[in-house]
Amino acid sequence: MLSKRIIPCLDVKDGRTVKGVNFVDLRDAGDPVELAWNYSQQGADELVFLDISATVEKRKTLVELVKAVARQINIPFTIGGGITEIADADALLNAGADKISINSAAVRNPQLIDDLAKAFGVQFVIVAVDTRVMGDKNIVHLNGGRLPTERQTLEWILEAESRGAGEILLTSMDHDGTKAGFDNPFLTQVNNAVNIPVIASGGAGSVQHFVDVFQKSNVDAALAASVFHYGEILIPDLKKVLKQNDIEVREV
């Protein structure tokens, strides 16, 4: 049985880690390289870095960040934000990233998923999806959650998988930063529909929320930010409780 993965997420803006609620009201959470090292020592399985204000000018900064992180840690990490073409992904993977994450660019140009999967292999390509309930449907949002699309979330995820996405990072915007728990019913629906790993994101506020998301939705990984950044949950403690609940995790 594959171990469930615990993944701290570092949203990076202007070289600092930040965190908000429902994608707004950002506050500083520390130096990303220091945090990365700390998480690797604590027993995190992977890390995700998202440049939430990525523009072409900042691509160079991001490459430097990737190099600095790669020198400090020995666990896999994913980088996302502003990747719109093969050259962007190539630069980040060459700098030391293990995987790349695409979101808005993939919705605008779905062929990008095919191209990246062909160039680097499906295991390198994570498609991140920001979803929010509108009416009675889960709808894909772009631009850091600011722009609703006409795409229904599950439909888009199935297309992404068919084009070569190796994993889905699914963030519930309604749950993000609320610390009220993951969106287990929708995560279950998505996880049952796809054959690739699903990473749950949005809503972690307690150790029990991680127990719940694995037991109820059986996703492959759970991602969180503020509860880790501000020391509210320590990864060794979290893994200990998961093991007590018969959830397979990698040893710290």
Protein backbone atom coordinates (compact mmCIF):
# COMPACT_ATOMS: atom_id res chain seq x y z
CA MET A 1 0.00 0.00 0.00
CA LEU A 2 1.35 3.41 -1.00
CA SER A 3 2.10 5.79 1.83
CA LYS A 4 -0.07 8.89 2.08
CA ARG A 5 1.94 12.07 1.58
CA ILE A 6 1.99 15.22 3.71
CA ILE A 7 2.90 18.29 1.66
CA PRO A 8 3.50 21.78 3.05
CA CYS A 9 2.72 24.46 0.47
CA LEU A 10 4.67 27.70 0.29
CA ASP A 11 2.98 30.54 -1.57
CA VAL A 12 5.78 32.85 -2.63
CA LYS A 13 5.39 36.54 -3.40
CA ASP A 14 8.37 38.84 -3.94
CA GLY A 15 10.71 36.21 -2.49
CA ARG A 16 8.78 35.70 0.76
CA THR A 17 6.31 33.03 1.87
CA VAL A 18 2.81 34.45 2.36
CA LYS A 19 -0.56 33.07 3.42
CA GLY A 20 -4.10 34.40 3.20
CA VAL A 21 -7.71 33.32 3.72
CA ASN A 22 -9.87 32.44 0.70
CA PHE A 23 -6.94 33.64 -1.44
CA VAL A 24 -6.90 37.22 -0.01
CA ASP A 25 -5.48 39.19 2.98
CA LEU A 26 -1.94 37.89 2.60
CA ARG A 27 0.48 37.99 5.53
CA ASP A 28 4.16 37.14 5.75
CA ALA A 29 5.07 33.60 6.82
CA GLY A 30 8.85 33.62 6.49
CA ASP A 31 11.80 32.84 4.25
CA PRO A 32 10.93 30.04 1.78
CA VAL A 33 14.38 28.42 1.83
CA GLU A 34 14.49 28.32 5.64
CA LEU A 35 10.95 26.92 5.79
CA ALA A 36 11.81 24.30 3.16
CA TRP A 37 14.81 23.11 5.16
CA ASN A 38 12.74 23.01 8.35
CA TYR A 39 10.00 20.93 6.68
CA SER A 40 12.48 18.48 5.21
CA GLN A 41 13.91 17.97 8.73
CA GLN A 42 10.42 17.52 10.22
CA GLY A 43 9.56 14.70 7.81
CA ALA A 44 7.49 16.35 5.09
CA ASP A 45 7.19 14.03 2.10
CA GLU A 46 7.24 16.74 -0.54
CA LEU A 47 6.97 20.51 -0.86
CA VAL A 48 5.05 22.72 -3.26
CA PHE A 49 6.14 26.27 -4.04
CA LEU A 50 3.65 28.49 -5.85
CA ASP A 51 4.77 31.86 -7.14
CA ILE A 52 1.43 33.58 -6.72
CA SER A 53 2.45 36.77 -8.49
CA ALA A 54 4.57 35.20 -11.22
CA THR A 55 5.39 37.30 -14.22
CA VAL A 56 8.03 36.93 -16.89
CA GLU A 57 10.37 39.33 -15.07
CA LYS A 58 10.23 37.20 -11.93
CA ARG A 59 11.04 33.93 -13.69
CA LYS A 60 14.75 34.58 -13.08
CA THR A 61 14.10 35.11 -9.36
CA LEU A 62 12.18 31.85 -9.22
CA VAL A 63 15.04 29.92 -10.85
CA GLU A 64 17.39 31.28 -8.17
CA LEU A 65 14.90 30.24 -5.46
CA VAL A 66 14.70 26.72 -6.92
CA LYS A 67 18.51 26.43 -6.92
CA ALA A 68 18.68 27.62 -3.30
CA VAL A 69 15.98 25.16 -2.19
CA ALA A 70 17.54 22.26 -4.12
CA ARG A 71 20.83 22.85 -2.29
CA GLN A 72 19.10 22.69 1.11
CA ILE A 73 16.68 19.76 0.92
CA ASN A 74 16.62 16.12 -0.15
CA ILE A 75 12.87 15.62 -0.62
CA PRO A 76 10.98 16.16 -3.90
CA PHE A 77 9.55 19.59 -4.55
CA THR A 78 7.19 21.10 -7.10
CA ILE A 79 7.28 24.63 -8.44
CA GLY A 80 4.38 26.47 -10.03
CA GLY A 81 3.36 29.93 -11.16
CA GLY A 82 3.80 31.64 -14.50
CA ILE A 83 4.75 28.51 -16.46
CA THR A 84 3.33 29.04 -19.93
CA GLU A 85 5.74 27.19 -22.20
CA ILE A 86 8.27 24.36 -22.33
CA ALA A 87 11.21 26.76 -21.82
CA ASP A 88 9.81 27.92 -18.45
CA ALA A 89 9.45 24.36 -17.20
CA ASP A 90 12.83 23.39 -18.58
CA ALA A 91 14.56 26.21 -16.68
CA LEU A 92 12.91 25.23 -13.37
CA LEU A 93 13.53 21.50 -13.74
CA ASN A 94 17.16 22.18 -14.69
CA ALA A 95 17.52 24.37 -11.60
CA GLY A 96 16.56 21.42 -9.41
CA ALA A 97 12.75 21.24 -9.18
CA ASP A 98 11.35 17.69 -9.31
CA LYS A 99 7.96 18.58 -10.78
CA ILE A 100 6.19 21.59 -12.20
CA SER A 101 2.65 22.73 -11.55
CA ILE A 102 0.47 24.50 -14.10
CA ASN A 103 -2.93 26.04 -13.53
CA SER A 104 -4.33 29.04 -15.43
CA ALA A 105 -2.03 28.51 -18.43
CA ALA A 106 -3.31 24.95 -18.84
CA VAL A 107 -6.97 26.03 -18.86
CA ARG A 108 -6.22 28.75 -21.41
CA ASN A 109 -4.11 26.40 -23.54
CA PRO A 110 -4.88 22.74 -22.73
CA GLN A 111 -2.33 21.62 -25.34
CA LEU A 112 0.35 22.80 -22.88
CA ILE A 113 -0.36 19.70 -20.75
CA ASP A 114 0.25 17.42 -23.75
CA ASP A 115 3.43 19.29 -24.68
CA LEU A 116 4.90 19.20 -21.16
CA ALA A 117 4.01 15.54 -20.63
CA LYS A 118 5.63 14.67 -23.95
CA ALA A 119 8.74 16.74 -23.25
CA PHE A 120 9.37 15.69 -19.65
CA GLY A 121 7.10 12.71 -18.86
CA VAL A 122 3.73 12.68 -17.09
CA GLN A 123 5.34 12.20 -13.66
CA PHE A 124 6.75 15.74 -13.88
CA VAL A 125 3.44 17.47 -14.64
CA ILE A 126 1.00 18.45 -11.90
CA VAL A 127 -2.17 20.24 -12.94
CA ALA A 128 -3.39 22.50 -10.16
CA VAL A 129 -7.09 23.31 -10.11
CA ASP A 130 -8.72 26.06 -8.04
CA THR A 131 -12.42 25.33 -7.62
CA ARG A 132 -15.32 27.20 -6.08
CA VAL A 133 -18.99 26.29 -5.84
CA MET A 134 -21.19 28.58 -7.94
CA GLY A 135 -24.88 27.76 -7.81
CA ASP A 136 -24.79 23.99 -7.45
CA LYS A 137 -21.65 23.35 -9.52
CA ASN A 138 -17.92 23.29 -8.87
CA ILE A 139 -16.38 25.79 -11.28
CA VAL A 140 -12.70 26.22 -12.26
CA HIS A 141 -11.18 29.61 -11.35
CA LEU A 142 -8.06 31.23 -12.78
CA ASN A 143 -5.55 33.94 -11.85
CA GLY A 144 -5.10 32.89 -8.24
CA GLY A 145 -8.83 32.29 -7.89
CA ARG A 146 -9.92 35.74 -9.08
CA LEU A 147 -11.46 34.77 -12.41
CA PRO A 148 -14.30 32.25 -12.76
CA THR A 149 -14.43 30.26 -15.99
CA GLU A 150 -17.23 28.35 -17.66
CA ARG A 151 -15.47 25.03 -17.06
CA GLN A 152 -16.93 22.55 -14.61
CA THR A 153 -14.17 21.27 -12.37
CA LEU A 154 -14.56 17.50 -12.70
CA GLU A 155 -14.91 17.75 -16.46
CA TRP A 156 -11.69 19.79 -16.67
CA ILE A 157 -9.80 17.38 -14.38
CA LEU A 158 -10.77 14.42 -16.57
CA GLU A 159 -9.54 16.29 -19.65
CA ALA A 160 -6.28 17.19 -17.89
CA GLU A 161 -5.74 13.52 -17.02
CA SER A 162 -6.41 12.44 -20.61
CA ARG A 163 -3.85 14.98 -21.86
CA GLY A 164 -1.07 13.72 -19.63
CA ALA A 165 -1.37 15.27 -16.17
CA GLY A 166 0.53 13.06 -13.71
CA GLU A 167 -1.22 14.41 -10.61
CA ILE A 168 -4.06 16.78 -9.72
CA LEU A 169 -3.63 19.39 -7.00
CA LEU A 170 -7.20 20.32 -6.13
CA THR A 171 -7.78 23.42 -4.01
CA SER A 172 -11.23 24.23 -2.69
CA MET A 173 -11.34 28.02 -2.56
CA ASP A 174 -14.41 27.93 -0.32
CA HIS A 175 -12.36 26.01 2.27
CA ASP A 176 -8.97 27.67 1.71
CA GLY A 177 -7.52 29.23 4.85
CA THR A 178 -10.75 28.68 6.83
CA LYS A 179 -9.29 25.80 8.89
CA ALA A 180 -12.72 24.16 8.78
CA GLY A 181 -11.59 20.95 7.08
CA PHE A 182 -11.10 19.72 3.51
CA ASP A 183 -13.94 19.41 0.98
CA ASN A 184 -14.17 15.65 1.47
CA PRO A 185 -17.35 14.98 -0.57
CA PHE A 186 -15.98 16.64 -3.71
CA LEU A 187 -12.49 15.19 -3.21
CA THR A 188 -14.07 11.72 -2.99
CA GLN A 189 -15.97 12.34 -6.21
CA VAL A 190 -12.81 13.46 -8.04
CA ASN A 191 -10.60 10.73 -6.60
CA ASN A 192 -13.09 8.05 -7.65
CA ALA A 193 -13.23 9.46 -11.19
CA VAL A 194 -9.50 9.59 -12.00
CA ASN A 195 -6.65 7.09 -12.13
CA ILE A 196 -3.88 9.50 -11.14
CA PRO A 197 -2.94 10.77 -7.67
CA VAL A 198 -5.04 13.57 -6.17
CA ILE A 199 -3.56 16.07 -3.71
CA ALA A 200 -6.17 17.66 -1.42
CA SER A 201 -5.75 21.35 -0.65
CA GLY A 202 -7.77 23.97 1.20
CA GLY A 203 -9.18 23.86 4.70
CA ALA A 204 -6.71 22.05 6.97
CA GLY A 205 -7.05 23.33 10.52
CA SER A 206 -6.41 20.34 12.76
CA VAL A 207 -4.79 16.92 12.78
CA GLN A 208 -8.26 15.38 12.63
CA HIS A 209 -8.88 17.08 9.29
CA PHE A 210 -5.97 15.10 7.81
CA VAL A 211 -7.31 11.87 9.30
CA ASP A 212 -10.72 12.66 7.83
CA VAL A 213 -9.52 13.50 4.33
CA PHE A 214 -7.55 10.26 4.02
CA GLN A 215 -10.24 8.07 5.55
CA LYS A 216 -13.18 9.65 3.73
CA SER A 217 -11.80 10.50 0.29
CA ASN A 218 -8.75 8.20 0.09
CA VAL A 219 -6.73 10.89 -1.72
CA ASP A 220 -3.01 10.25 -2.15
CA ALA A 221 -1.76 13.39 -0.42
CA ALA A 222 -2.90 16.32 1.70
CA LEU A 223 -1.43 19.78 1.37
CA ALA A 224 -1.58 22.66 3.83
CA ALA A 225 0.14 25.96 4.50
CA SER A 226 -0.65 28.13 7.50
CA VAL A 227 -1.07 25.32 10.06
CA PHE A 228 2.49 24.27 9.23
CA HIS A 229 4.01 27.74 8.73
CA TYR A 230 2.81 29.02 12.10
CA GLY A 231 3.63 25.83 14.00
CA GLU A 232 0.01 24.93 14.78
CA ILE A 233 0.62 21.38 13.52
CA LEU A 234 4.02 19.71 13.61
CA ILE A 235 4.56 17.06 10.96
CA PRO A 236 5.97 14.38 13.33
CA ASP A 237 2.90 14.74 15.57
CA LEU A 238 0.59 14.60 12.56
CA LYS A 239 2.19 11.44 11.19
CA LYS A 240 2.03 9.78 14.60
CA VAL A 241 -1.75 10.33 14.77
CA LEU A 242 -2.22 9.17 11.16
CA LYS A 243 -0.40 5.92 11.99
CA GLN A 244 -2.56 5.46 15.07
CA ASN A 245 -5.54 5.66 12.70
CA ASP A 246 -4.07 2.95 10.44
CA ILE A 247 -3.15 5.44 7.72
CA GLU A 248 0.12 4.42 6.07
CA VAL A 249 2.72 7.21 6.12
CA ARG A 250 6.47 7.40 5.53
CA GLU A 251 8.51 7.30 8.73
CA VAL A 252 9.81 10.62 10.02
